[in-house]
Amino acid sequence: MEPARFDRFRYGLAALLMRHPHLRPYALIAHRRIEDVENYGDAIRFREKLIAEAGDKTLLEECERFCVELADELQSYLVASHADLP
């Protein structure tokens, strides 16, 4: 039996859509930004790890800002790309 493989894209997309439900209509075009979605998921996982381990507050704040920036960038791209669809 093959070991389960972690899908960074699916995790990132799920996290993005859970935190920003207004982006759900754009989920079908998220594959155009695979790396950005994966990076968002990685940042969220790292933030959750810092929270769970009561990590460095400064690092946690920086990570939180980075997550917000990534989400804003993805939102801008997805909304703009949706306008280009037929």
PDB file of N, CA and C in Angstrom:
ATOM      1  N   MET A   1       0.831  -1.171   0.000  1.00  0.00           N
ATOM      2  CA  MET A   1       0.000   0.000   0.000  1.00  0.00           C
ATOM      3  C   MET A   1       0.884   1.246   0.000  1.00  0.00           C
ATOM      4  N   GLU A   2       0.511   2.214  -0.803  1.00  0.00           N
ATOM      5  CA  GLU A   2       1.268   3.445  -0.924  1.00  0.00           C
ATOM      6  C   GLU A   2       0.980   4.381   0.249  1.00  0.00           C
ATOM      7  N   PRO A   3       2.022   5.009   0.807  1.00  0.00           N
ATOM      8  CA  PRO A   3       1.768   5.944   1.912  1.00  0.00           C
ATOM      9  C   PRO A   3       0.991   7.167   1.414  1.00  0.00           C
ATOM     10  N   ALA A   4       0.203   7.727   2.297  1.00  0.00           N
ATOM     11  CA  ALA A   4      -0.570   8.917   1.947  1.00  0.00           C
ATOM     12  C   ALA A   4       0.386  10.066   1.646  1.00  0.00           C
ATOM     13  N   ARG A   5       0.051  10.829   0.636  1.00  0.00           N
ATOM     14  CA  ARG A   5       0.890  11.951   0.225  1.00  0.00           C
ATOM     15  C   ARG A   5       0.165  13.248   0.558  1.00  0.00           C
ATOM     16  N   PHE A   6       0.886  14.179   1.142  1.00  0.00           N
ATOM     17  CA  PHE A   6       0.306  15.471   1.497  1.00  0.00           C
ATOM     18  C   PHE A   6       0.243  16.342   0.251  1.00  0.00           C
ATOM     19  N   ASP A   7      -0.913  16.848  -0.069  1.00  0.00           N
ATOM     20  CA  ASP A   7      -1.109  17.692  -1.248  1.00  0.00           C
ATOM     21  C   ASP A   7      -1.122  19.156  -0.803  1.00  0.00           C
ATOM     22  N   ARG A   8      -0.012  19.831  -1.024  1.00  0.00           N
ATOM     23  CA  ARG A   8       0.130  21.217  -0.578  1.00  0.00           C
ATOM     24  C   ARG A   8      -0.881  22.140  -1.249  1.00  0.00           C
ATOM     25  N   PHE A   9      -1.168  21.900  -2.525  1.00  0.00           N
ATOM     26  CA  PHE A   9      -2.132  22.742  -3.236  1.00  0.00           C
ATOM     27  C   PHE A   9      -3.526  22.598  -2.640  1.00  0.00           C
ATOM     28  N   ARG A  10      -3.964  21.373  -2.440  1.00  0.00           N
ATOM     29  CA  ARG A  10      -5.308  21.156  -1.893  1.00  0.00           C
ATOM     30  C   ARG A  10      -5.435  21.735  -0.489  1.00  0.00           C
ATOM     31  N   TYR A  11      -4.391  21.586   0.311  1.00  0.00           N
ATOM     32  CA  TYR A  11      -4.425  22.151   1.661  1.00  0.00           C
ATOM     33  C   TYR A  11      -4.503  23.679   1.592  1.00  0.00           C
ATOM     34  N   GLY A  12      -3.652  24.271   0.769  1.00  0.00           N
ATOM     35  CA  GLY A  12      -3.641  25.724   0.641  1.00  0.00           C
ATOM     36  C   GLY A  12      -4.960  26.271   0.136  1.00  0.00           C
ATOM     37  N   LEU A  13      -5.533  25.598  -0.851  1.00  0.00           N
ATOM     38  CA  LEU A  13      -6.814  26.047  -1.395  1.00  0.00           C
ATOM     39  C   LEU A  13      -7.917  25.910  -0.355  1.00  0.00           C
ATOM     40  N   ALA A  14      -7.932  24.791   0.351  1.00  0.00           N
ATOM     41  CA  ALA A  14      -8.949  24.593   1.389  1.00  0.00           C
ATOM     42  C   ALA A  14      -8.826  25.658   2.480  1.00  0.00           C
ATOM     43  N   ALA A  15      -7.601  25.943   2.904  1.00  0.00           N
ATOM     44  CA  ALA A  15      -7.389  26.962   3.937  1.00  0.00           C
ATOM     45  C   ALA A  15      -7.838  28.336   3.442  1.00  0.00           C
ATOM     46  N   LEU A  16      -7.500  28.651   2.202  1.00  0.00           N
ATOM     47  CA  LEU A  16      -7.887  29.940   1.630  1.00  0.00           C
ATOM     48  C   LEU A  16      -9.407  30.075   1.564  1.00  0.00           C
ATOM     49  N   LEU A  17     -10.072  29.037   1.103  1.00  0.00           N
ATOM     50  CA  LEU A  17     -11.525  29.099   0.940  1.00  0.00           C
ATOM     51  C   LEU A  17     -12.263  29.061   2.273  1.00  0.00           C
ATOM     52  N   MET A  18     -11.678  28.429   3.278  1.00  0.00           N
ATOM     53  CA  MET A  18     -12.300  28.432   4.604  1.00  0.00           C
ATOM     54  C   MET A  18     -12.179  29.812   5.257  1.00  0.00           C
ATOM     55  N   ARG A  19     -11.033  30.437   5.090  1.00  0.00           N
ATOM     56  CA  ARG A  19     -10.809  31.741   5.710  1.00  0.00           C
ATOM     57  C   ARG A  19     -11.436  32.883   4.903  1.00  0.00           C
ATOM     58  N   HIS A  20     -11.638  32.640   3.614  1.00  0.00           N
ATOM     59  CA  HIS A  20     -12.200  33.661   2.718  1.00  0.00           C
ATOM     60  C   HIS A  20     -13.294  33.026   1.854  1.00  0.00           C
ATOM     61  N   PRO A  21     -14.439  32.723   2.440  1.00  0.00           N
ATOM     62  CA  PRO A  21     -15.493  32.011   1.707  1.00  0.00           C
ATOM     63  C   PRO A  21     -16.010  32.761   0.477  1.00  0.00           C
ATOM     64  N   HIS A  22     -15.828  34.069   0.435  1.00  0.00           N
ATOM     65  CA  HIS A  22     -16.270  34.823  -0.739  1.00  0.00           C
ATOM     66  C   HIS A  22     -15.458  34.471  -1.988  1.00  0.00           C
ATOM     67  N   LEU A  23     -14.337  33.747  -1.814  1.00  0.00           N
ATOM     68  CA  LEU A  23     -13.510  33.338  -2.958  1.00  0.00           C
ATOM     69  C   LEU A  23     -13.920  31.979  -3.526  1.00  0.00           C
ATOM     70  N   ARG A  24     -14.875  31.316  -2.918  1.00  0.00           N
ATOM     71  CA  ARG A  24     -15.266  29.980  -3.379  1.00  0.00           C
ATOM     72  C   ARG A  24     -15.671  29.927  -4.852  1.00  0.00           C
ATOM     73  N   PRO A  25     -16.349  30.936  -5.392  1.00  0.00           N
ATOM     74  CA  PRO A  25     -16.689  30.871  -6.817  1.00  0.00           C
ATOM     75  C   PRO A  25     -15.461  30.838  -7.737  1.00  0.00           C
ATOM     76  N   TYR A  26     -14.313  31.238  -7.215  1.00  0.00           N
ATOM     77  CA  TYR A  26     -13.092  31.288  -8.023  1.00  0.00           C
ATOM     78  C   TYR A  26     -12.210  30.050  -7.859  1.00  0.00           C
ATOM     79  N   ALA A  27     -12.653  29.081  -7.103  1.00  0.00           N
ATOM     80  CA  ALA A  27     -11.831  27.897  -6.802  1.00  0.00           C
ATOM     81  C   ALA A  27     -11.398  27.156  -8.061  1.00  0.00           C
ATOM     82  N   LEU A  28     -12.239  27.153  -9.074  1.00  0.00           N
ATOM     83  CA  LEU A  28     -11.922  26.400 -10.290  1.00  0.00           C
ATOM     84  C   LEU A  28     -10.773  26.997 -11.090  1.00  0.00           C
ATOM     85  N   ILE A  29     -10.434  28.247 -10.851  1.00  0.00           N
ATOM     86  CA  ILE A  29      -9.313  28.844 -11.584  1.00  0.00           C
ATOM     87  C   ILE A  29      -8.060  28.984 -10.716  1.00  0.00           C
ATOM     88  N   ALA A  30      -8.113  28.488  -9.503  1.00  0.00           N
ATOM     89  CA  ALA A  30      -6.964  28.597  -8.593  1.00  0.00           C
ATOM     90  C   ALA A  30      -5.756  27.818  -9.102  1.00  0.00           C
ATOM     91  N   HIS A  31      -5.985  26.814  -9.946  1.00  0.00           N
ATOM     92  CA  HIS A  31      -4.864  26.018 -10.468  1.00  0.00           C
ATOM     93  C   HIS A  31      -3.899  26.862 -11.302  1.00  0.00           C
ATOM     94  N   ARG A  32      -4.322  28.041 -11.689  1.00  0.00           N
ATOM     95  CA  ARG A  32      -3.437  28.930 -12.448  1.00  0.00           C
ATOM     96  C   ARG A  32      -2.342  29.521 -11.559  1.00  0.00           C
ATOM     97  N   ARG A  33      -2.515  29.425 -10.257  1.00  0.00           N
ATOM     98  CA  ARG A  33      -1.554  29.970  -9.294  1.00  0.00           C
ATOM     99  C   ARG A  33      -1.131  28.894  -8.295  1.00  0.00           C
ATOM    100  N   ILE A  34      -0.750  27.739  -8.802  1.00  0.00           N
ATOM    101  CA  ILE A  34      -0.426  26.595  -7.945  1.00  0.00           C
ATOM    102  C   ILE A  34       0.613  26.957  -6.890  1.00  0.00           C
ATOM    103  N   GLU A  35       1.700  27.565  -7.308  1.00  0.00           N
ATOM    104  CA  GLU A  35       2.782  27.866  -6.363  1.00  0.00           C
ATOM    105  C   GLU A  35       2.324  28.845  -5.277  1.00  0.00           C
ATOM    106  N   ASP A  36       1.548  29.845  -5.657  1.00  0.00           N
ATOM    107  CA  ASP A  36       1.060  30.815  -4.670  1.00  0.00           C
ATOM    108  C   ASP A  36       0.115  30.160  -3.665  1.00  0.00           C
ATOM    109  N   VAL A  37      -0.753  29.284  -4.150  1.00  0.00           N
ATOM    110  CA  VAL A  37      -1.688  28.589  -3.258  1.00  0.00           C
ATOM    111  C   VAL A  37      -0.915  27.668  -2.315  1.00  0.00           C
ATOM    112  N   GLU A  38       0.094  26.967  -2.843  1.00  0.00           N
ATOM    113  CA  GLU A  38       0.918  26.103  -1.996  1.00  0.00           C
ATOM    114  C   GLU A  38       1.669  26.921  -0.944  1.00  0.00           C
ATOM    115  N   ASN A  39       2.214  28.057  -1.348  1.00  0.00           N
ATOM    116  CA  ASN A  39       2.924  28.921  -0.394  1.00  0.00           C
ATOM    117  C   ASN A  39       1.985  29.428   0.691  1.00  0.00           C
ATOM    118  N   TYR A  40       0.758  29.752   0.320  1.00  0.00           N
ATOM    119  CA  TYR A  40      -0.229  30.190   1.308  1.00  0.00           C
ATOM    120  C   TYR A  40      -0.487  29.065   2.311  1.00  0.00           C
ATOM    121  N   GLY A  41      -0.672  27.857   1.814  1.00  0.00           N
ATOM    122  CA  GLY A  41      -0.895  26.712   2.703  1.00  0.00           C
ATOM    123  C   GLY A  41       0.283  26.466   3.630  1.00  0.00           C
ATOM    124  N   ASP A  42       1.493  26.583   3.092  1.00  0.00           N
ATOM    125  CA  ASP A  42       2.692  26.406   3.920  1.00  0.00           C
ATOM    126  C   ASP A  42       2.767  27.473   5.015  1.00  0.00           C
ATOM    127  N   ALA A  43       2.442  28.703   4.653  1.00  0.00           N
ATOM    128  CA  ALA A  43       2.475  29.793   5.634  1.00  0.00           C
ATOM    129  C   ALA A  43       1.434  29.577   6.729  1.00  0.00           C
ATOM    130  N   ILE A  44       0.256  29.117   6.347  1.00  0.00           N
ATOM    131  CA  ILE A  44      -0.798  28.841   7.329  1.00  0.00           C
ATOM    132  C   ILE A  44      -0.358  27.711   8.263  1.00  0.00           C
ATOM    133  N   ARG A  45       0.229  26.656   7.701  1.00  0.00           N
ATOM    134  CA  ARG A  45       0.688  25.537   8.531  1.00  0.00           C
ATOM    135  C   ARG A  45       1.772  25.991   9.506  1.00  0.00           C
ATOM    136  N   PHE A  46       2.698  26.825   9.028  1.00  0.00           N
ATOM    137  CA  PHE A  46       3.759  27.324   9.896  1.00  0.00           C
ATOM    138  C   PHE A  46       3.174  28.196  11.004  1.00  0.00           C
ATOM    139  N   ARG A  47       2.195  29.038  10.652  1.00  0.00           N
ATOM    140  CA  ARG A  47       1.530  29.888  11.648  1.00  0.00           C
ATOM    141  C   ARG A  47       0.841  29.038  12.702  1.00  0.00           C
ATOM    142  N   GLU A  48       0.151  27.989  12.260  1.00  0.00           N
ATOM    143  CA  GLU A  48      -0.536  27.098  13.205  1.00  0.00           C
ATOM    144  C   GLU A  48       0.465  26.393  14.117  1.00  0.00           C
ATOM    145  N   LYS A  49       1.621  26.032  13.561  1.00  0.00           N
ATOM    146  CA  LYS A  49       2.663  25.395  14.372  1.00  0.00           C
ATOM    147  C   LYS A  49       3.179  26.365  15.436  1.00  0.00           C
ATOM    148  N   LEU A  50       3.399  27.617  15.046  1.00  0.00           N
ATOM    149  CA  LEU A  50       3.848  28.624  16.016  1.00  0.00           C
ATOM    150  C   LEU A  50       2.825  28.817  17.126  1.00  0.00           C
ATOM    151  N   ILE A  51       1.560  28.825  16.767  1.00  0.00           N
ATOM    152  CA  ILE A  51       0.501  28.981  17.769  1.00  0.00           C
ATOM    153  C   ILE A  51       0.489  27.783  18.711  1.00  0.00           C
ATOM    154  N   ALA A  52       0.555  26.578  18.146  1.00  0.00           N
ATOM    155  CA  ALA A  52       0.494  25.356  18.955  1.00  0.00           C
ATOM    156  C   ALA A  52       1.679  25.239  19.910  1.00  0.00           C
ATOM    157  N   GLU A  53       2.839  25.693  19.464  1.00  0.00           N
ATOM    158  CA  GLU A  53       4.045  25.579  20.282  1.00  0.00           C
ATOM    159  C   GLU A  53       4.317  26.833  21.105  1.00  0.00           C
ATOM    160  N   ALA A  54       3.386  27.771  21.089  1.00  0.00           N
ATOM    161  CA  ALA A  54       3.577  29.056  21.779  1.00  0.00           C
ATOM    162  C   ALA A  54       4.910  29.669  21.372  1.00  0.00           C
ATOM    163  N   GLY A  55       5.097  29.746  20.047  1.00  0.00           N
ATOM    164  CA  GLY A  55       6.350  30.248  19.502  1.00  0.00           C
ATOM    165  C   GLY A  55       6.546  31.743  19.689  1.00  0.00           C
ATOM    166  N   ASP A  56       7.626  32.221  19.138  1.00  0.00           N
ATOM    167  CA  ASP A  56       8.032  33.624  19.212  1.00  0.00           C
ATOM    168  C   ASP A  56       6.904  34.535  18.709  1.00  0.00           C
ATOM    169  N   LYS A  57       6.472  35.464  19.548  1.00  0.00           N
ATOM    170  CA  LYS A  57       5.354  36.366  19.211  1.00  0.00           C
ATOM    171  C   LYS A  57       5.678  37.240  18.003  1.00  0.00           C
ATOM    172  N   THR A  58       6.913  37.716  17.920  1.00  0.00           N
ATOM    173  CA  THR A  58       7.304  38.566  16.796  1.00  0.00           C
ATOM    174  C   THR A  58       7.248  37.783  15.494  1.00  0.00           C
ATOM    175  N   LEU A  59       7.756  36.571  15.521  1.00  0.00           N
ATOM    176  CA  LEU A  59       7.717  35.717  14.341  1.00  0.00           C
ATOM    177  C   LEU A  59       6.276  35.378  13.967  1.00  0.00           C
ATOM    178  N   LEU A  60       5.452  35.141  14.950  1.00  0.00           N
ATOM    179  CA  LEU A  60       4.041  34.848  14.708  1.00  0.00           C
ATOM    180  C   LEU A  60       3.345  36.036  14.044  1.00  0.00           C
ATOM    181  N   GLU A  61       3.604  37.240  14.524  1.00  0.00           N
ATOM    182  CA  GLU A  61       3.007  38.438  13.924  1.00  0.00           C
ATOM    183  C   GLU A  61       3.470  38.620  12.485  1.00  0.00           C
ATOM    184  N   GLU A  62       4.757  38.386  12.241  1.00  0.00           N
ATOM    185  CA  GLU A  62       5.293  38.499  10.886  1.00  0.00           C
ATOM    186  C   GLU A  62       4.665  37.455   9.971  1.00  0.00           C
ATOM    187  N   CYS A  63       4.521  36.256  10.475  1.00  0.00           N
ATOM    188  CA  CYS A  63       3.911  35.179   9.702  1.00  0.00           C
ATOM    189  C   CYS A  63       2.449  35.509   9.391  1.00  0.00           C
ATOM    190  N   GLU A  64       1.749  36.058  10.365  1.00  0.00           N
ATOM    191  CA  GLU A  64       0.349  36.451  10.167  1.00  0.00           C
ATOM    192  C   GLU A  64       0.240  37.518   9.076  1.00  0.00           C
ATOM    193  N   ARG A  65       1.129  38.501   9.106  1.00  0.00           N
ATOM    194  CA  ARG A  65       1.130  39.537   8.058  1.00  0.00           C
ATOM    195  C   ARG A  65       1.396  38.921   6.690  1.00  0.00           C
ATOM    196  N   PHE A  66       2.320  37.972   6.642  1.00  0.00           N
ATOM    197  CA  PHE A  66       2.649  37.303   5.384  1.00  0.00           C
ATOM    198  C   PHE A  66       1.443  36.530   4.859  1.00  0.00           C
ATOM    199  N   CYS A  67       0.724  35.852   5.744  1.00  0.00           N
ATOM    200  CA  CYS A  67      -0.480  35.111   5.344  1.00  0.00           C
ATOM    201  C   CYS A  67      -1.527  36.058   4.760  1.00  0.00           C
ATOM    202  N   VAL A  68      -1.701  37.200   5.395  1.00  0.00           N
ATOM    203  CA  VAL A  68      -2.670  38.192   4.911  1.00  0.00           C
ATOM    204  C   VAL A  68      -2.244  38.722   3.543  1.00  0.00           C
ATOM    205  N   GLU A  69      -0.960  39.010   3.376  1.00  0.00           N
ATOM    206  CA  GLU A  69      -0.460  39.500   2.088  1.00  0.00           C
ATOM    207  C   GLU A  69      -0.670  38.469   0.987  1.00  0.00           C
ATOM    208  N   LEU A  70      -0.365  37.211   1.278  1.00  0.00           N
ATOM    209  CA  LEU A  70      -0.572  36.157   0.286  1.00  0.00           C
ATOM    210  C   LEU A  70      -2.046  36.015  -0.070  1.00  0.00           C
ATOM    211  N   ALA A  71      -2.911  36.049   0.929  1.00  0.00           N
ATOM    212  CA  ALA A  71      -4.350  35.936   0.678  1.00  0.00           C
ATOM    213  C   ALA A  71      -4.838  37.113  -0.161  1.00  0.00           C
ATOM    214  N   ASP A  72      -4.373  38.312   0.136  1.00  0.00           N
ATOM    215  CA  ASP A  72      -4.766  39.490  -0.645  1.00  0.00           C
ATOM    216  C   ASP A  72      -4.301  39.376  -2.090  1.00  0.00           C
ATOM    217  N   GLU A  73      -3.067  38.906  -2.265  1.00  0.00           N
ATOM    218  CA  GLU A  73      -2.524  38.738  -3.611  1.00  0.00           C
ATOM    219  C   GLU A  73      -3.325  37.695  -4.390  1.00  0.00           C
ATOM    220  N   LEU A  74      -3.623  36.581  -3.750  1.00  0.00           N
ATOM    221  CA  LEU A  74      -4.416  35.549  -4.410  1.00  0.00           C
ATOM    222  C   LEU A  74      -5.813  36.060  -4.740  1.00  0.00           C
ATOM    223  N   GLN A  75      -6.413  36.782  -3.818  1.00  0.00           N
ATOM    224  CA  GLN A  75      -7.746  37.326  -4.070  1.00  0.00           C
ATOM    225  C   GLN A  75      -7.718  38.257  -5.281  1.00  0.00           C
ATOM    226  N   SER A  76      -6.749  39.145  -5.341  1.00  0.00           N
ATOM    227  CA  SER A  76      -6.637  40.070  -6.471  1.00  0.00           C
ATOM    228  C   SER A  76      -6.499  39.313  -7.781  1.00  0.00           C
ATOM    229  N   TYR A  77      -5.643  38.305  -7.776  1.00  0.00           N
ATOM    230  CA  TYR A  77      -5.430  37.542  -8.997  1.00  0.00           C
ATOM    231  C   TYR A  77      -6.690  36.779  -9.405  1.00  0.00           C
ATOM    232  N   LEU A  78      -7.311  36.092  -8.464  1.00  0.00           N
ATOM    233  CA  LEU A  78      -8.477  35.274  -8.796  1.00  0.00           C
ATOM    234  C   LEU A  78      -9.633  36.123  -9.312  1.00  0.00           C
ATOM    235  N   VAL A  79      -9.885  37.235  -8.671  1.00  0.00           N
ATOM    236  CA  VAL A  79     -10.981  38.103  -9.106  1.00  0.00           C
ATOM    237  C   VAL A  79     -10.679  38.685 -10.490  1.00  0.00           C
ATOM    238  N   ALA A  80      -9.442  39.126 -10.712  1.00  0.00           N
ATOM    239  CA  ALA A  80      -9.065  39.680 -12.016  1.00  0.00           C
ATOM    240  C   ALA A  80      -9.106  38.612 -13.100  1.00  0.00           C
ATOM    241  N   SER A  81      -8.657  37.402 -12.791  1.00  0.00           N
ATOM    242  CA  SER A  81      -8.655  36.315 -13.773  1.00  0.00           C
ATOM    243  C   SER A  81     -10.062  35.886 -14.132  1.00  0.00           C
ATOM    244  N   HIS A  82     -10.949  35.936 -13.165  1.00  0.00           N
ATOM    245  CA  HIS A  82     -12.333  35.532 -13.412  1.00  0.00           C
ATOM    246  C   HIS A  82     -12.977  36.453 -14.445  1.00  0.00           C
ATOM    247  N   ALA A  83     -12.602  37.714 -14.457  1.00  0.00           N
ATOM    248  CA  ALA A  83     -13.151  38.662 -15.422  1.00  0.00           C
ATOM    249  C   ALA A  83     -12.697  38.333 -16.839  1.00  0.00           C
ATOM    250  N   ASP A  84     -11.560  37.634 -16.971  1.00  0.00           N
ATOM    251  CA  ASP A  84     -11.029  37.273 -18.284  1.00  0.00           C
ATOM    252  C   ASP A  84     -11.690  36.039 -18.874  1.00  0.00           C
ATOM    253  N   LEU A  85     -12.431  35.297 -18.069  1.00  0.00           N
ATOM    254  CA  LEU A  85     -13.051  34.065 -18.550  1.00  0.00           C
ATOM    255  C   LEU A  85     -14.234  34.381 -19.456  1.00  0.00           C
ATOM    256  N   PRO A  86     -14.470  33.489 -20.445  1.00  0.00           N
ATOM    257  CA  PRO A  86     -15.613  33.720 -21.355  1.00  0.00           C
ATOM    258  C   PRO A  86     -16.944  33.565 -20.661  1.00  0.00           C
TER     259      PRO A  86
END
